[in-house]
Amino acid sequence: MKRLMLGNEAVARGLYEAGCSFVSSYPGTPSTEITEAAAAYEEIYAEWAPNEKVAMESAFGASLAGKRSFCGMKHVGLNVAADPLFTIAYTGVNGGMVIGVADDAGMHSSQNEQDSRHYARAAKVPMLEPADSGEALAFAKTAYEISEAFDTPVFLKMCTRVSHSQSVVEPGERVECAKTYEKTPQKYIMMPGNAKKRHPIVEARTAALVEYAETSPLNRVEAGECDEIGIITASTSYQYVKEVCGNKYPVLKLGMAWPMPEKKIRDFAASVKKLVVVEELEGFIENHCRQLGLDPAGKDAFPMIDELSQNIVAEKLGFAPEAGIKLDENIPNRPPVMCAGCPHRGLFYTLAKNHVTVMGDIGCYTLGAVPPLAAIDTTVCMGASIPNLHGFNKANGGESCGRSVAVIGDSTFMHSGITGLVNTAYNESNSTVIILDNSITGMTGHQQNPTTGFNLKGDPAAKIDLETLCRAIGIRRVRVVDPYNLAECDAALKEELVADEPSVIISRRPCALLKYVKHKNPLAVDAEKCRGCRMCMKIGCPAISMKDGKARIDNTLCTGCGVCMQLCKFGALVGEEA
């Protein structure tokens, strides 16, 4: 029976049908739902790993055992997993191994806009690139066939628009696949003597994959009504091309992003008068065509920045863009803000009030960078905040130690913050680190992590004690504060900043959106006492606004956290009766 599925759900269905039995991932938008959907299948063991490197290494271990495995991540997560990737490309696999990576053109939820196709070429690992949910399911199954036929891990590259859009799929039945493990040191032990012998195998494999790409149905030519233009495209760009052009021009749709065919592309180019490449981000396909001696149009017209759209494609191909729907009224911009009752708000207010330089990290707490809090100075990548602070303070000869901190979430700390704190302790960096423990992985949609006490399926699991861990690393000064208590936060911050040794403050309160969190009654404003001083507005809570010179509170948003009450000197903010 045909069904509508998100692209990520379709990938999970493809894993299931292909007989995948092991999934290890780290959540990262837009890839997260693949693993969450895979966990719903009893036949698949699924887990959240502390980071993408561990996820890939675990998936390789399962492949080594003879099982079909999968690890999923977003594009920046692939940077974290690059170390094992390049070596696994040499060793090859036993059971099929698929690496899911989701790019984020347009940077809807990312700190950069890198193009993961470059990793496939650099690591010499084949990459498939579906254009809709139906292909996501089918390509996931094909990826395992390629993996085992060519003894290689295989990339399955998604993107935001394919991952989070729905299209029709036709689910099939599951097949069971397993191999036995045989000790093969020369294949799996990558010491120099063995690795030198594996490199020629990788090159021969790439040549064989190019031949496969020539005839694979993954790459197909769709006939057009005229040969004035021939378009080579892939992924979501293919959808835009078809919506704009219909069947007017012939299209070479590449489902295999790497390696790409050579003869097939040359033959297609010879069949049209002008060759155009339509692709998002880098001119990856275009450069391949140029290496084949062709001269396509591409990035001279289509931007390398941001995602494409139907209208952009229409404009560049000479079609009239469709008229969109325009509202009569101008709607004000609504920048992202921390939720009402967010436990990070009070801590960031304290940092801003004390004019502290703050090294930030990746998570929903990155929103502490926007006004009115504006409390973050840097955000680079997962786990960077603590080493950033260490280098900052060491380079300043310790002069900045009393007015600078690092902030990092509990999940991000487990991902890649621990080693930075080890470095801080080991190299005696007089730095203050604040771990924002909201008891969940917040930004990607409330996934469990090693500090929550539950696994991916919600079953009880070992719970990392952050206080004990920090002390074991070598941090002697470790304290816990409630971010709803501004006085407590302020006192802790001031004391740790003047301490003459590294310290950790754990700001602990669960995310306000967690289902088990019970909120107090919403607050209200006593208009007679309110002086319109706007002090309550300084915390940037979306439940608070001003009207007619007085503060007002939206009781559908307010969680009763009481942070704003601590700022009002006139007692104008009061609790509503139940």
Protein backbone atom coordinates (compact mmCIF):
# COMPACT_ATOMS: atom_id res chain seq x y z
CA MET A 1 0.00 0.00 0.00
CA LYS A 2 1.39 3.39 -0.98
CA ARG A 3 2.02 5.91 1.79
CA LEU A 4 3.14 9.48 2.25
CA MET A 5 6.43 9.62 4.14
CA LEU A 6 8.96 12.22 5.14
CA GLY A 7 12.25 11.69 3.36
CA ASN A 8 13.93 10.75 6.63
CA GLU A 9 11.17 8.27 7.50
CA ALA A 10 11.59 6.75 4.05
CA VAL A 11 15.31 6.27 4.64
CA ALA A 12 14.51 4.44 7.87
CA ARG A 13 12.03 2.27 6.01
CA GLY A 14 14.72 1.51 3.44
CA LEU A 15 17.11 0.50 6.21
CA TYR A 16 14.47 -1.81 7.61
CA GLU A 17 13.65 -3.43 4.28
CA ALA A 18 17.34 -3.86 3.45
CA GLY A 19 17.87 -5.91 6.61
CA CYS A 20 19.83 -3.32 8.55
CA SER A 21 20.08 -4.42 12.17
CA PHE A 22 22.31 -1.77 13.78
CA VAL A 23 21.93 2.03 13.80
CA SER A 24 24.11 4.49 15.73
CA SER A 25 23.81 8.25 15.26
CA TYR A 26 24.13 11.63 16.88
CA PRO A 27 21.08 13.89 16.43
CA GLY A 28 21.58 16.75 14.02
CA THR A 29 18.98 18.62 11.97
CA PRO A 30 18.02 17.73 9.27
CA SER A 31 19.09 14.08 9.80
CA THR A 32 17.60 13.32 13.24
CA GLU A 33 14.33 11.66 12.24
CA ILE A 34 16.09 8.86 10.33
CA THR A 35 17.33 7.32 13.55
CA GLU A 36 14.17 8.08 15.50
CA ALA A 37 12.09 6.34 12.82
CA ALA A 38 14.52 3.41 12.61
CA ALA A 39 14.20 2.88 16.37
CA ALA A 40 10.50 2.10 15.90
CA TYR A 41 11.39 -1.15 14.12
CA GLU A 42 11.96 -3.97 16.59
CA GLU A 43 14.37 -5.70 14.21
CA ILE A 44 16.77 -2.74 14.35
CA TYR A 45 18.96 -1.97 17.34
CA ALA A 46 19.16 1.84 17.44
CA GLU A 47 21.10 4.16 19.74
CA TRP A 48 22.21 7.72 20.25
CA ALA A 49 25.98 7.86 20.38
CA PRO A 50 27.84 10.62 22.26
CA ASN A 51 29.11 12.00 18.94
CA GLU A 52 29.33 11.22 15.22
CA LYS A 53 32.82 9.73 15.40
CA VAL A 54 31.67 7.16 17.93
CA ALA A 55 28.55 6.50 15.85
CA MET A 56 30.57 5.75 12.71
CA GLU A 57 33.07 3.59 14.57
CA SER A 58 30.23 1.65 16.19
CA ALA A 59 28.50 1.12 12.85
CA PHE A 60 31.78 -0.15 11.44
CA GLY A 61 32.05 -2.59 14.34
CA ALA A 62 28.59 -3.92 13.55
CA SER A 63 29.57 -4.24 9.88
CA LEU A 64 32.68 -6.11 10.94
CA ALA A 65 30.44 -8.56 12.81
CA GLY A 66 28.63 -9.21 9.51
CA LYS A 67 25.50 -7.13 10.10
CA ARG A 68 24.17 -4.39 7.86
CA SER A 69 24.65 -1.13 9.73
CA PHE A 70 23.94 2.59 9.48
CA CYS A 71 25.16 5.79 11.09
CA GLY A 72 23.47 9.15 10.57
CA MET A 73 24.55 12.75 11.02
CA LYS A 74 24.26 16.24 9.59
CA HIS A 75 26.92 17.75 7.37
CA VAL A 76 28.97 19.34 10.16
CA GLY A 77 28.79 16.06 12.06
CA LEU A 78 30.64 14.43 9.18
CA ASN A 79 33.61 16.63 10.08
CA VAL A 80 33.66 14.96 13.49
CA ALA A 81 33.52 11.50 11.89
CA ALA A 82 36.11 12.21 9.21
CA ASP A 83 38.92 10.40 11.02
CA PRO A 84 37.38 6.90 10.90
CA LEU A 85 35.76 7.63 7.52
CA PHE A 86 38.99 7.90 5.58
CA THR A 87 40.38 4.69 7.07
CA ILE A 88 37.17 2.67 6.74
CA ALA A 89 37.31 3.60 3.06
CA TYR A 90 40.59 1.63 2.96
CA THR A 91 39.51 -1.36 5.04
CA GLY A 92 36.20 -1.84 3.31
CA VAL A 93 33.36 -3.60 5.09
CA ASN A 94 31.97 -7.02 5.92
CA GLY A 95 28.25 -6.46 6.30
CA GLY A 96 26.96 -3.52 4.27
CA MET A 97 27.54 -0.11 5.87
CA VAL A 98 25.65 3.06 4.96
CA ILE A 99 26.56 6.54 6.18
CA GLY A 100 23.67 8.96 6.16
CA VAL A 101 24.60 12.63 5.91
CA ALA A 102 22.13 15.50 5.56
CA ASP A 103 23.26 18.84 4.15
CA ASP A 104 21.60 22.11 5.09
CA ALA A 105 21.69 24.48 2.14
CA GLY A 106 20.31 27.78 3.37
CA MET A 107 21.67 27.11 6.88
CA HIS A 108 18.22 26.71 8.42
CA SER A 109 19.82 25.23 11.55
CA SER A 110 23.56 25.15 10.93
CA GLN A 111 26.68 27.24 11.41
CA ASN A 112 28.00 26.69 7.88
CA GLU A 113 26.84 25.58 4.46
CA GLN A 114 29.42 22.96 3.48
CA ASP A 115 28.82 20.53 0.63
CA SER A 116 29.29 16.91 1.73
CA ARG A 117 29.89 15.67 -1.81
CA HIS A 118 33.49 16.76 -1.39
CA TYR A 119 33.90 14.17 1.37
CA ALA A 120 32.79 11.40 -0.98
CA ARG A 121 35.41 12.38 -3.53
CA ALA A 122 38.15 12.96 -0.95
CA ALA A 123 37.52 9.69 0.91
CA LYS A 124 36.84 7.80 -2.35
CA VAL A 125 33.54 6.53 -1.06
CA PRO A 126 30.46 6.25 -3.32
CA MET A 127 27.56 8.60 -2.60
CA LEU A 128 23.90 8.26 -3.56
CA GLU A 129 21.64 11.31 -3.59
CA PRO A 130 17.84 10.80 -3.59
CA ALA A 131 15.50 13.50 -4.84
CA ASP A 132 12.33 12.47 -2.97
CA SER A 133 11.02 10.04 -0.39
CA GLY A 134 10.48 7.24 -2.88
CA GLU A 135 14.09 7.42 -3.94
CA ALA A 136 15.20 7.78 -0.32
CA LEU A 137 13.71 4.37 0.44
CA ALA A 138 14.98 2.75 -2.77
CA PHE A 139 18.45 4.28 -2.59
CA ALA A 140 18.91 3.15 1.01
CA LYS A 141 18.36 -0.43 -0.15
CA THR A 142 20.60 0.02 -3.19
CA ALA A 143 23.33 1.51 -0.99
CA TYR A 144 23.65 -1.79 0.87
CA GLU A 145 23.89 -3.72 -2.38
CA ILE A 146 26.68 -1.41 -3.57
CA SER A 147 28.40 -1.57 -0.18
CA GLU A 148 28.64 -5.34 -0.22
CA ALA A 149 29.28 -5.71 -3.96
CA PHE A 150 32.17 -3.23 -3.95
CA ASP A 151 33.40 -3.75 -0.37
CA THR A 152 32.95 -0.14 0.69
CA PRO A 153 30.94 2.07 2.98
CA VAL A 154 28.37 4.10 1.01
CA PHE A 155 27.11 7.61 1.62
CA LEU A 156 23.41 8.36 1.42
CA LYS A 157 23.23 12.15 1.07
CA MET A 158 20.05 13.90 2.07
CA CYS A 159 19.31 17.62 2.30
CA THR A 160 16.82 19.70 4.26
CA ARG A 161 14.17 19.83 1.53
CA VAL A 162 14.29 16.08 0.81
CA SER A 163 14.60 15.08 4.49
CA HIS A 164 11.65 17.18 5.62
CA SER A 165 9.26 16.95 2.69
CA GLN A 166 6.71 14.23 2.05
CA SER A 167 6.17 12.21 -1.08
CA VAL A 168 4.73 8.83 -2.01
CA VAL A 169 6.54 5.61 -1.19
CA GLU A 170 5.56 1.99 -1.63
CA PRO A 171 6.83 -0.03 1.33
CA GLY A 172 8.07 -3.56 0.77
CA GLU A 173 9.12 -6.53 2.87
CA ARG A 174 12.25 -6.93 4.96
CA VAL A 175 15.08 -9.21 3.90
CA GLU A 176 17.49 -10.66 6.45
CA CYS A 177 21.18 -10.29 5.63
CA ALA A 178 24.14 -11.39 7.68
CA LYS A 179 27.69 -12.55 7.11
CA THR A 180 30.16 -14.30 9.37
CA TYR A 181 33.20 -12.56 10.74
CA GLU A 182 36.59 -13.90 9.70
CA LYS A 183 39.84 -12.61 11.19
CA THR A 184 41.59 -10.77 8.34
CA PRO A 185 44.47 -8.69 9.74
CA GLN A 186 45.76 -7.51 6.38
CA LYS A 187 42.33 -6.03 5.59
CA TYR A 188 41.30 -4.51 8.89
CA ILE A 189 44.54 -3.56 10.67
CA MET A 190 45.59 -0.30 9.06
CA MET A 191 49.23 -0.16 10.04
CA PRO A 192 51.38 1.30 7.24
CA GLY A 193 52.40 -2.03 5.72
CA ASN A 194 48.79 -3.12 5.29
CA ALA A 195 47.45 0.32 4.39
CA LYS A 196 49.90 0.61 1.48
CA LYS A 197 48.45 -2.58 0.02
CA ARG A 198 44.88 -1.38 0.47
CA HIS A 199 45.29 1.91 -1.40
CA PRO A 200 45.59 0.26 -4.86
CA ILE A 201 42.44 -1.71 -4.03
CA VAL A 202 40.60 1.55 -3.31
CA GLU A 203 41.71 3.01 -6.67
CA ALA A 204 40.61 -0.12 -8.53
CA ARG A 205 37.29 0.00 -6.69
CA THR A 206 36.74 3.61 -7.76
CA ALA A 207 37.37 2.68 -11.39
CA ALA A 208 34.88 -0.16 -11.08
CA LEU A 209 32.33 2.17 -9.53
CA VAL A 210 32.71 4.58 -12.47
CA GLU A 211 31.83 1.72 -14.80
CA TYR A 212 28.86 0.88 -12.57
CA ALA A 213 27.73 4.51 -12.75
CA GLU A 214 27.62 4.35 -16.55
CA THR A 215 24.83 1.79 -16.63
CA SER A 216 23.20 2.10 -13.21
CA PRO A 217 19.52 3.12 -13.22
CA LEU A 218 20.49 5.54 -10.46
CA ASN A 219 21.60 7.84 -13.28
CA ARG A 220 18.95 8.26 -15.94
CA VAL A 221 18.27 10.38 -19.03
CA GLU A 222 14.78 11.80 -19.38
CA ALA A 223 13.87 12.82 -22.92
CA GLY A 224 12.79 16.36 -23.78
CA GLU A 225 10.79 18.03 -26.51
CA CYS A 226 13.74 20.00 -27.87
CA ASP A 227 17.53 19.82 -27.73
CA GLU A 228 18.27 23.52 -27.30
CA ILE A 229 19.29 22.91 -23.71
CA GLY A 230 20.25 19.75 -21.83
CA ILE A 231 20.20 19.89 -18.03
CA ILE A 232 22.28 17.81 -15.63
CA THR A 233 20.94 17.93 -12.11
CA ALA A 234 20.39 15.97 -8.89
CA SER A 235 18.61 15.90 -5.53
CA THR A 236 16.11 18.66 -4.77
CA SER A 237 17.44 20.71 -7.72
CA TYR A 238 15.97 18.02 -9.98
CA GLN A 239 12.54 18.70 -8.51
CA TYR A 240 12.85 22.41 -9.23
CA VAL A 241 13.96 21.73 -12.80
CA LYS A 242 11.02 19.41 -13.51
CA GLU A 243 8.51 21.79 -11.92
CA VAL A 244 9.82 24.65 -14.08
CA CYS A 245 10.61 22.88 -17.35
CA GLY A 246 8.32 19.88 -17.40
CA ASN A 247 9.39 17.79 -20.39
CA LYS A 248 10.59 20.69 -22.54
CA TYR A 249 14.32 19.92 -22.15
CA PRO A 250 16.12 16.60 -21.75
CA VAL A 251 17.49 15.97 -18.27
CA LEU A 252 20.31 13.78 -17.02
CA LYS A 253 19.29 13.05 -13.45
CA LEU A 254 22.24 11.88 -11.37
CA GLY A 255 21.27 9.71 -8.41
CA MET A 256 24.89 8.76 -7.84
CA ALA A 257 26.70 11.88 -6.71
CA TRP A 258 30.09 10.12 -6.67
CA PRO A 259 31.71 8.69 -8.62
CA MET A 260 29.89 10.13 -11.62
CA PRO A 261 29.75 8.52 -15.05
CA GLU A 262 31.97 9.84 -17.81
CA LYS A 263 30.73 8.39 -21.10
CA LYS A 264 27.10 8.91 -20.09
CA ILE A 265 27.73 12.60 -19.44
CA ARG A 266 29.72 13.07 -22.67
CA ASP A 267 27.01 11.34 -24.72
CA PHE A 268 24.31 13.47 -23.11
CA ALA A 269 26.28 16.65 -23.76
CA ALA A 270 26.71 15.65 -27.42
CA SER A 271 22.96 15.22 -27.81
CA VAL A 272 22.11 18.85 -26.91
CA LYS A 273 23.17 22.26 -28.17
CA LYS A 274 23.85 23.76 -24.75
CA LEU A 275 24.70 21.99 -21.52
CA VAL A 276 23.48 23.45 -18.18
CA VAL A 277 24.20 22.11 -14.71
CA VAL A 278 21.66 22.94 -11.99
CA GLU A 279 22.90 22.11 -8.49
CA GLU A 280 22.90 23.64 -5.03
CA LEU A 281 26.00 25.02 -3.33
CA GLU A 282 29.31 24.05 -4.97
CA GLY A 283 29.79 23.46 -8.68
CA PHE A 284 30.57 19.81 -7.99
CA ILE A 285 28.90 18.29 -11.06
CA GLU A 286 29.94 21.26 -13.17
CA ASN A 287 33.62 20.82 -12.29
CA HIS A 288 33.39 17.13 -13.14
CA CYS A 289 31.98 18.05 -16.53
CA ARG A 290 34.84 20.48 -17.10
CA GLN A 291 37.35 17.78 -16.25
CA LEU A 292 35.74 15.75 -19.04
CA GLY A 293 36.49 18.58 -21.47
CA LEU A 294 32.96 20.00 -21.55
CA ASP A 295 31.96 23.63 -21.10
CA PRO A 296 28.63 23.72 -19.24
CA ALA A 297 26.81 26.72 -17.90
CA GLY A 298 26.27 26.51 -14.17
CA LYS A 299 27.67 28.63 -11.38
CA ASP A 300 28.01 31.56 -13.76
CA ALA A 301 24.22 31.77 -13.40
CA PHE A 302 23.15 29.74 -10.37
CA PRO A 303 24.36 30.95 -6.95
CA MET A 304 26.83 29.04 -4.78
CA ILE A 305 25.21 30.51 -1.69
CA ASP A 306 21.89 29.48 -0.12
CA GLU A 307 19.40 26.97 -1.50
CA LEU A 308 17.75 27.15 -4.89
CA SER A 309 14.02 27.55 -5.52
CA GLN A 310 11.59 27.10 -8.39
CA ASN A 311 11.68 30.83 -9.11
CA ILE A 312 15.47 31.02 -9.14
CA VAL A 313 15.65 28.07 -11.53
CA ALA A 314 12.89 29.56 -13.69
CA GLU A 315 14.63 32.92 -13.90
CA LYS A 316 18.02 31.47 -14.80
CA LEU A 317 16.57 29.14 -17.44
CA GLY A 318 14.53 31.90 -19.07
CA PHE A 319 11.09 31.01 -17.75
CA ALA A 320 8.72 33.47 -16.10
CA PRO A 321 8.76 33.01 -12.32
CA GLU A 322 5.41 32.14 -10.82
CA ALA A 323 3.66 34.95 -9.01
CA GLY A 324 3.56 34.22 -5.35
CA ILE A 325 0.95 35.15 -2.79
CA LYS A 326 1.66 38.48 -1.15
CA LEU A 327 -0.03 39.72 1.99
CA ASP A 328 -1.34 43.26 2.05
CA GLU A 329 0.16 43.99 5.45
CA ASN A 330 3.82 43.99 6.36
CA ILE A 331 4.47 41.34 8.98
CA PRO A 332 7.31 42.18 11.38
CA ASN A 333 10.27 39.86 11.50
CA ARG A 334 10.12 37.31 14.26
CA PRO A 335 13.69 36.35 15.14
CA PRO A 336 14.24 33.11 17.06
CA VAL A 337 14.28 33.50 20.83
CA MET A 338 14.61 31.19 23.81
CA CYS A 339 11.26 29.80 24.88
CA ALA A 340 9.27 31.26 27.74
CA GLY A 341 10.55 29.64 30.92
CA CYS A 342 13.82 28.55 29.27
CA PRO A 343 16.25 27.70 32.08
CA HIS A 344 19.13 29.33 30.18
CA ARG A 345 17.58 32.81 30.27
CA GLY A 346 18.41 33.65 33.88
CA LEU A 347 22.00 32.49 33.50
CA PHE A 348 22.55 34.54 30.35
CA TYR A 349 20.99 37.58 31.99
CA THR A 350 23.54 37.20 34.78
CA LEU A 351 26.40 36.96 32.30
CA ALA A 352 25.20 40.02 30.37
CA LYS A 353 24.71 42.03 33.55
CA ASN A 354 28.27 41.30 34.62
CA HIS A 355 29.67 42.18 31.17
CA VAL A 356 31.43 38.83 30.88
CA THR A 357 33.10 37.66 27.66
CA VAL A 358 31.32 34.42 26.78
CA MET A 359 32.65 31.64 24.53
CA GLY A 360 29.53 29.94 23.22
CA ASP A 361 28.77 26.54 21.78
CA ILE A 362 26.21 24.71 19.63
CA GLY A 363 22.70 24.27 21.04
CA CYS A 364 19.47 26.17 21.60
CA TYR A 365 21.38 28.23 24.18
CA THR A 366 23.21 29.84 21.23
CA LEU A 367 20.12 32.08 21.17
CA GLY A 368 21.69 33.82 24.14
CA ALA A 369 23.63 35.72 21.48
CA VAL A 370 20.61 37.70 20.24
CA PRO A 371 19.27 40.92 21.82
CA PRO A 372 18.29 41.87 24.40
CA LEU A 373 20.60 39.41 26.18
CA ALA A 374 23.41 39.56 23.58
CA ALA A 375 25.52 37.54 26.00
CA ILE A 376 27.68 35.41 23.66
CA ASP A 377 30.88 36.44 21.89
CA THR A 378 31.76 33.35 19.81
CA THR A 379 30.16 30.18 18.47
CA VAL A 380 32.32 27.91 16.31
CA CYS A 381 31.44 24.22 16.51
CA MET A 382 30.41 21.47 18.91
CA GLY A 383 32.66 21.53 21.96
CA ALA A 384 34.73 24.54 20.89
CA SER A 385 33.72 26.85 23.74
CA ILE A 386 36.01 25.38 26.40
CA PRO A 387 39.17 25.25 24.26
CA ASN A 388 38.31 28.73 22.93
CA LEU A 389 38.25 30.02 26.51
CA HIS A 390 41.46 28.20 27.39
CA GLY A 391 43.32 29.75 24.45
CA PHE A 392 41.79 33.16 25.07
CA ASN A 393 42.89 33.24 28.70
CA LYS A 394 46.34 31.75 28.09
CA ALA A 395 47.03 34.20 25.26
CA ASN A 396 46.07 37.11 27.52
CA GLY A 397 48.47 35.98 30.17
CA GLY A 398 45.61 35.36 32.56
CA GLU A 399 44.38 38.95 32.45
CA SER A 400 40.98 37.88 31.06
CA CYS A 401 40.40 35.00 33.50
CA GLY A 402 38.27 37.10 35.84
CA ARG A 403 35.90 38.30 33.16
CA SER A 404 35.45 35.43 30.69
CA VAL A 405 33.60 32.10 30.71
CA ALA A 406 32.63 29.24 28.42
CA VAL A 407 29.06 27.96 28.18
CA ILE A 408 28.20 24.51 26.88
CA GLY A 409 25.09 22.30 27.02
CA ASP A 410 24.96 18.91 28.70
CA SER A 411 24.64 16.98 25.43
CA THR A 412 27.31 19.07 23.72
CA PHE A 413 29.60 18.55 26.70
CA MET A 414 29.24 14.78 26.29
CA HIS A 415 29.69 15.13 22.51
CA SER A 416 33.03 16.92 22.50
CA GLY A 417 33.32 19.14 25.55
CA ILE A 418 34.97 16.65 27.90
CA THR A 419 38.34 16.69 26.15
CA GLY A 420 38.38 20.48 26.25
CA LEU A 421 37.80 20.41 30.00
CA VAL A 422 40.55 17.78 30.36
CA ASN A 423 42.86 20.19 28.56
CA THR A 424 41.79 23.02 30.86
CA ALA A 425 42.59 20.97 33.95
CA TYR A 426 45.78 19.39 32.58
CA ASN A 427 47.28 22.69 31.42
CA GLU A 428 46.11 24.55 34.53
CA SER A 429 43.96 27.06 32.72
CA ASN A 430 42.35 29.43 35.21
CA SER A 431 39.04 29.29 33.34
CA THR A 432 35.40 29.18 34.41
CA VAL A 433 33.21 26.74 32.48
CA ILE A 434 29.41 26.76 32.76
CA ILE A 435 27.59 23.58 31.81
CA LEU A 436 23.97 24.34 30.94
CA ASP A 437 22.27 21.15 32.05
CA ASN A 438 18.67 21.17 30.83
CA SER A 439 18.37 17.37 31.10
CA ILE A 440 17.88 16.76 27.37
CA THR A 441 19.30 17.42 23.90
CA GLY A 442 17.16 20.46 23.27
CA MET A 443 17.88 21.97 19.87
CA THR A 444 17.23 18.86 17.79
CA GLY A 445 13.95 17.94 19.47
CA HIS A 446 14.44 16.37 22.90
CA GLN A 447 16.68 13.37 22.26
CA GLN A 448 18.19 11.51 25.21
CA ASN A 449 21.92 11.70 25.92
CA PRO A 450 24.32 10.08 28.41
CA THR A 451 23.42 12.59 31.14
CA THR A 452 19.64 11.94 31.12
CA GLY A 453 19.50 8.36 32.39
CA PHE A 454 17.51 7.04 29.41
CA ASN A 455 18.41 5.58 26.03
CA LEU A 456 16.94 6.24 22.59
CA LYS A 457 13.94 4.01 23.23
CA GLY A 458 13.25 5.67 26.59
CA ASP A 459 14.50 2.73 28.65
CA PRO A 460 16.55 3.38 31.80
CA ALA A 461 20.28 3.65 31.08
CA ALA A 462 23.51 4.57 32.84
CA LYS A 463 23.39 8.24 33.84
CA ILE A 464 26.59 10.26 33.76
CA ASP A 465 27.03 12.33 36.92
CA LEU A 466 28.44 15.61 35.66
CA GLU A 467 29.74 16.73 39.05
CA THR A 468 31.66 13.48 39.60
CA LEU A 469 32.93 13.48 36.03
CA CYS A 470 34.27 17.03 36.29
CA ARG A 471 36.04 16.22 39.53
CA ALA A 472 37.49 13.02 38.06
CA ILE A 473 38.93 15.09 35.21
CA GLY A 474 40.77 17.21 37.76
CA ILE A 475 38.43 20.15 38.42
CA ARG A 476 38.28 20.71 42.17
CA ARG A 477 35.80 23.60 42.15
CA VAL A 478 32.42 22.26 40.95
CA ARG A 479 29.09 23.76 42.00
CA VAL A 480 25.45 23.57 40.92
CA VAL A 481 23.10 26.54 40.61
CA ASP A 482 19.43 27.00 39.75
CA PRO A 483 19.23 29.38 36.75
CA TYR A 484 15.81 30.58 37.93
CA ASN A 485 17.54 32.02 41.01
CA LEU A 486 19.30 35.15 39.77
CA ALA A 487 20.98 35.96 43.09
CA GLU A 488 22.42 32.46 43.32
CA CYS A 489 23.72 32.65 39.73
CA ASP A 490 25.27 36.06 40.31
CA ALA A 491 27.02 34.99 43.50
CA ALA A 492 28.37 31.79 41.94
CA LEU A 493 29.65 33.60 38.87
CA LYS A 494 31.44 36.27 40.86
CA GLU A 495 33.06 33.75 43.21
CA GLU A 496 34.30 31.43 40.46
CA LEU A 497 35.65 34.25 38.30
CA VAL A 498 37.97 35.39 41.09
CA ALA A 499 39.05 31.86 42.04
CA ASP A 500 42.68 31.12 41.21
CA GLU A 501 42.05 27.76 39.55
CA PRO A 502 39.75 26.22 36.91
CA SER A 503 36.14 25.81 37.96
CA VAL A 504 32.84 24.47 36.68
CA ILE A 505 29.38 25.87 37.35
CA ILE A 506 26.53 23.52 36.45
CA SER A 507 23.36 25.48 35.70
CA ARG A 508 20.74 22.80 36.25
CA ARG A 509 17.04 22.92 35.48
CA PRO A 510 15.14 20.82 32.92
CA CYS A 511 13.96 22.28 29.62
CA ALA A 512 10.62 24.04 30.05
CA LEU A 513 9.16 22.10 27.10
CA LEU A 514 9.74 18.64 28.56
CA LYS A 515 6.45 16.85 29.07
CA TYR A 516 7.18 15.91 32.67
CA VAL A 517 8.00 19.48 33.74
CA LYS A 518 5.14 20.99 35.74
CA HIS A 519 4.87 24.76 35.49
CA LYS A 520 3.64 27.19 38.08
CA ASN A 521 0.63 29.40 37.42
CA PRO A 522 1.39 32.19 34.94
CA LEU A 523 2.22 35.62 36.32
CA ALA A 524 0.16 38.77 35.91
CA VAL A 525 0.90 42.49 35.97
CA ASP A 526 -0.43 44.80 38.66
CA ALA A 527 -0.96 47.85 36.44
CA GLU A 528 -1.09 50.23 39.39
CA LYS A 529 2.38 49.23 40.54
CA CYS A 530 3.95 48.97 37.08
CA ARG A 531 6.09 52.04 36.30
CA GLY A 532 6.84 51.04 32.71
CA CYS A 533 10.57 50.89 33.46
CA ARG A 534 10.94 47.96 31.03
CA MET A 535 13.34 46.18 33.37
CA CYS A 536 11.38 42.95 32.85
CA MET A 537 11.99 43.26 29.10
CA LYS A 538 15.74 42.85 29.56
CA ILE A 539 15.50 39.07 29.80
CA GLY A 540 13.92 38.76 26.34
CA CYS A 541 11.04 36.51 27.41
CA PRO A 542 8.46 36.14 24.60
CA ALA A 543 5.66 36.09 27.19
CA ILE A 544 6.38 39.70 28.21
CA SER A 545 5.51 42.74 26.11
CA MET A 546 4.62 46.41 26.58
CA LYS A 547 1.26 48.04 25.88
CA ASP A 548 0.22 51.58 26.72
CA GLY A 549 3.42 52.06 28.69
CA LYS A 550 2.77 49.08 30.94
CA ALA A 551 4.16 45.55 30.96
CA ARG A 552 1.80 42.75 30.09
CA ILE A 553 2.15 38.99 30.24
CA ASP A 554 0.71 36.46 27.82
CA ASN A 555 -0.64 33.79 30.14
CA THR A 556 -0.71 31.25 27.31
CA LEU A 557 3.10 31.44 27.17
CA CYS A 558 4.15 32.24 30.73
CA THR A 559 5.41 29.24 32.74
CA GLY A 560 5.55 31.09 36.05
CA CYS A 561 9.32 30.68 36.30
CA GLY A 562 9.56 33.91 38.27
CA VAL A 563 12.79 35.21 36.73
CA CYS A 564 11.13 38.47 35.69
CA MET A 565 9.72 38.97 39.21
CA GLN A 566 13.27 39.17 40.53
CA LEU A 567 13.96 42.13 38.23
CA CYS A 568 10.90 44.21 39.12
CA LYS A 569 11.70 46.67 41.91
CA PHE A 570 8.09 47.72 42.31
CA GLY A 571 6.44 44.35 42.91
CA ALA A 572 4.28 44.76 39.81
CA LEU A 573 4.63 41.15 38.70
CA VAL A 574 2.49 38.78 40.72
CA GLY A 575 1.29 35.19 40.49
CA GLU A 576 -2.19 34.52 39.22
CA GLU A 577 -4.60 32.57 41.37
CA ALA A 578 -5.10 28.97 40.34
